[in-house]
Amino acid sequence: MTSNFQRWKGIMKAYPFEEKRLAKWTPPYIVQPKFDGVRCRSLPIQTGPTGNETLLLSSEENIIYSVPHINQILQGITAELDGELYCHGMSFEDILSITSRTV
């Protein structure tokens, strides 16, 4: 898989919710809970005329290799996604341990 990807620009970080912040925004807006997961960016990478792969990157821009089942599910999606890798009931340390593996 190639590692030619565009560096993150204008990354939005989670902040504690303050209702006064909503007063400054123009609806519609989306607010969601912050889970204790690992930040992940999914990038579709063109690998040929008809194929593509999904590259998963951490917030430090390290490639995440340890969740191939997620790569497989995202393979047909051509949009860039930004979110968290999270498993309910699993500690942040365990999630970080899994997503940090390189083999």
Protein backbone atom coordinates (compact mmCIF):
# COMPACT_ATOMS: atom_id res chain seq x y z
CA MET A 1 0.00 0.00 0.00
CA THR A 2 1.31 3.44 -0.84
CA SER A 3 2.14 6.05 1.77
CA ASN A 4 1.65 9.08 -0.49
CA PHE A 5 -1.08 10.90 1.37
CA GLN A 6 -1.90 14.52 2.07
CA ARG A 7 -0.99 15.71 5.56
CA TRP A 8 -3.86 16.64 7.86
CA LYS A 9 -5.02 20.19 7.52
CA GLY A 10 -7.37 21.99 9.86
CA ILE A 11 -7.89 19.01 12.15
CA MET A 12 -10.87 19.48 14.41
CA LYS A 13 -10.28 18.35 17.98
CA ALA A 14 -12.95 17.46 20.53
CA TYR A 15 -13.70 20.01 23.22
CA PRO A 16 -15.80 19.72 26.37
CA PHE A 17 -19.40 20.63 25.59
CA GLU A 18 -20.46 24.13 26.58
CA GLU A 19 -24.01 25.17 25.80
CA LYS A 20 -22.89 28.80 25.32
CA ARG A 21 -20.82 27.59 22.35
CA LEU A 22 -24.02 26.49 20.54
CA ALA A 23 -25.40 30.03 20.82
CA LYS A 24 -22.60 31.22 18.53
CA TRP A 25 -23.31 28.61 15.83
CA THR A 26 -25.87 28.82 13.07
CA PRO A 27 -28.10 25.72 12.87
CA PRO A 28 -28.05 23.07 11.62
CA TYR A 29 -25.11 21.60 13.51
CA ILE A 30 -24.11 18.17 14.75
CA VAL A 31 -22.96 17.42 18.29
CA GLN A 32 -21.97 13.93 19.36
CA PRO A 33 -20.40 12.36 22.44
CA LYS A 34 -16.63 11.95 22.57
CA PHE A 35 -15.69 8.33 23.09
CA ASP A 36 -12.34 7.28 24.50
CA GLY A 37 -10.98 5.84 21.28
CA VAL A 38 -8.07 6.32 18.89
CA ARG A 39 -8.36 9.01 16.22
CA CYS A 40 -8.42 7.52 12.74
CA ARG A 41 -8.56 8.98 9.25
CA SER A 42 -9.61 6.74 6.38
CA LEU A 43 -8.20 7.59 2.95
CA PRO A 44 -9.19 5.85 -0.27
CA ILE A 45 -6.06 5.16 -2.34
CA GLN A 46 -6.39 4.40 -6.07
CA THR A 47 -4.38 1.24 -6.83
CA GLY A 48 -5.33 0.79 -10.45
CA PRO A 49 -7.95 1.63 -13.06
CA THR A 50 -10.71 -0.22 -11.21
CA GLY A 51 -9.36 -0.84 -7.73
CA ASN A 52 -8.65 1.02 -4.56
CA GLU A 53 -7.50 0.31 -1.03
CA THR A 54 -8.23 2.11 2.20
CA LEU A 55 -5.39 3.62 4.17
CA LEU A 56 -6.05 4.15 7.89
CA LEU A 57 -3.98 6.84 9.62
CA SER A 58 -3.60 7.74 13.29
CA SER A 59 -3.56 11.35 14.49
CA GLU A 60 0.25 11.15 14.31
CA GLU A 61 -0.13 10.00 10.67
CA ASN A 62 1.10 6.48 11.35
CA ILE A 63 -0.50 3.81 9.19
CA ILE A 64 -2.83 1.55 11.21
CA TYR A 65 -2.33 -2.03 10.00
CA SER A 66 -3.96 -3.99 12.82
CA VAL A 67 -7.64 -3.70 11.85
CA PRO A 68 -7.84 -5.25 8.35
CA HIS A 69 -11.54 -6.02 8.85
CA ILE A 70 -12.20 -2.28 8.94
CA ASN A 71 -10.09 -1.69 5.82
CA GLN A 72 -12.14 -4.39 4.07
CA ILE A 73 -15.47 -2.81 5.05
CA LEU A 74 -14.32 0.64 3.90
CA GLN A 75 -12.83 -0.57 0.61
CA GLY A 76 -15.75 0.51 -1.57
CA ILE A 77 -16.08 3.95 0.01
CA THR A 78 -14.42 6.69 -2.03
CA ALA A 79 -14.86 9.49 0.53
CA GLU A 80 -12.29 10.44 3.15
CA LEU A 81 -13.55 9.69 6.67
CA ASP A 82 -12.38 11.04 10.02
CA GLY A 83 -13.39 9.47 13.33
CA GLU A 84 -12.38 7.15 16.13
CA LEU A 85 -11.56 3.48 16.49
CA TYR A 86 -13.51 2.47 19.58
CA CYS A 87 -14.85 -0.70 21.18
CA HIS A 88 -17.42 -0.30 23.95
CA GLY A 89 -16.18 -1.83 27.19
CA MET A 90 -12.54 -1.88 26.11
CA SER A 91 -10.07 0.46 27.83
CA PHE A 92 -8.31 3.20 25.90
CA GLU A 93 -4.98 1.50 26.66
CA ASP A 94 -6.18 -1.77 25.09
CA ILE A 95 -7.52 0.03 22.02
CA LEU A 96 -4.24 1.92 21.67
CA SER A 97 -2.28 -1.32 22.04
CA ILE A 98 -4.24 -2.97 19.22
CA THR A 99 -4.11 0.00 16.85
CA SER A 100 -0.39 0.60 17.45
CA ARG A 101 0.65 -2.87 16.31
CA THR A 102 2.65 -2.98 13.11
CA VAL A 103 2.41 -6.75 12.47
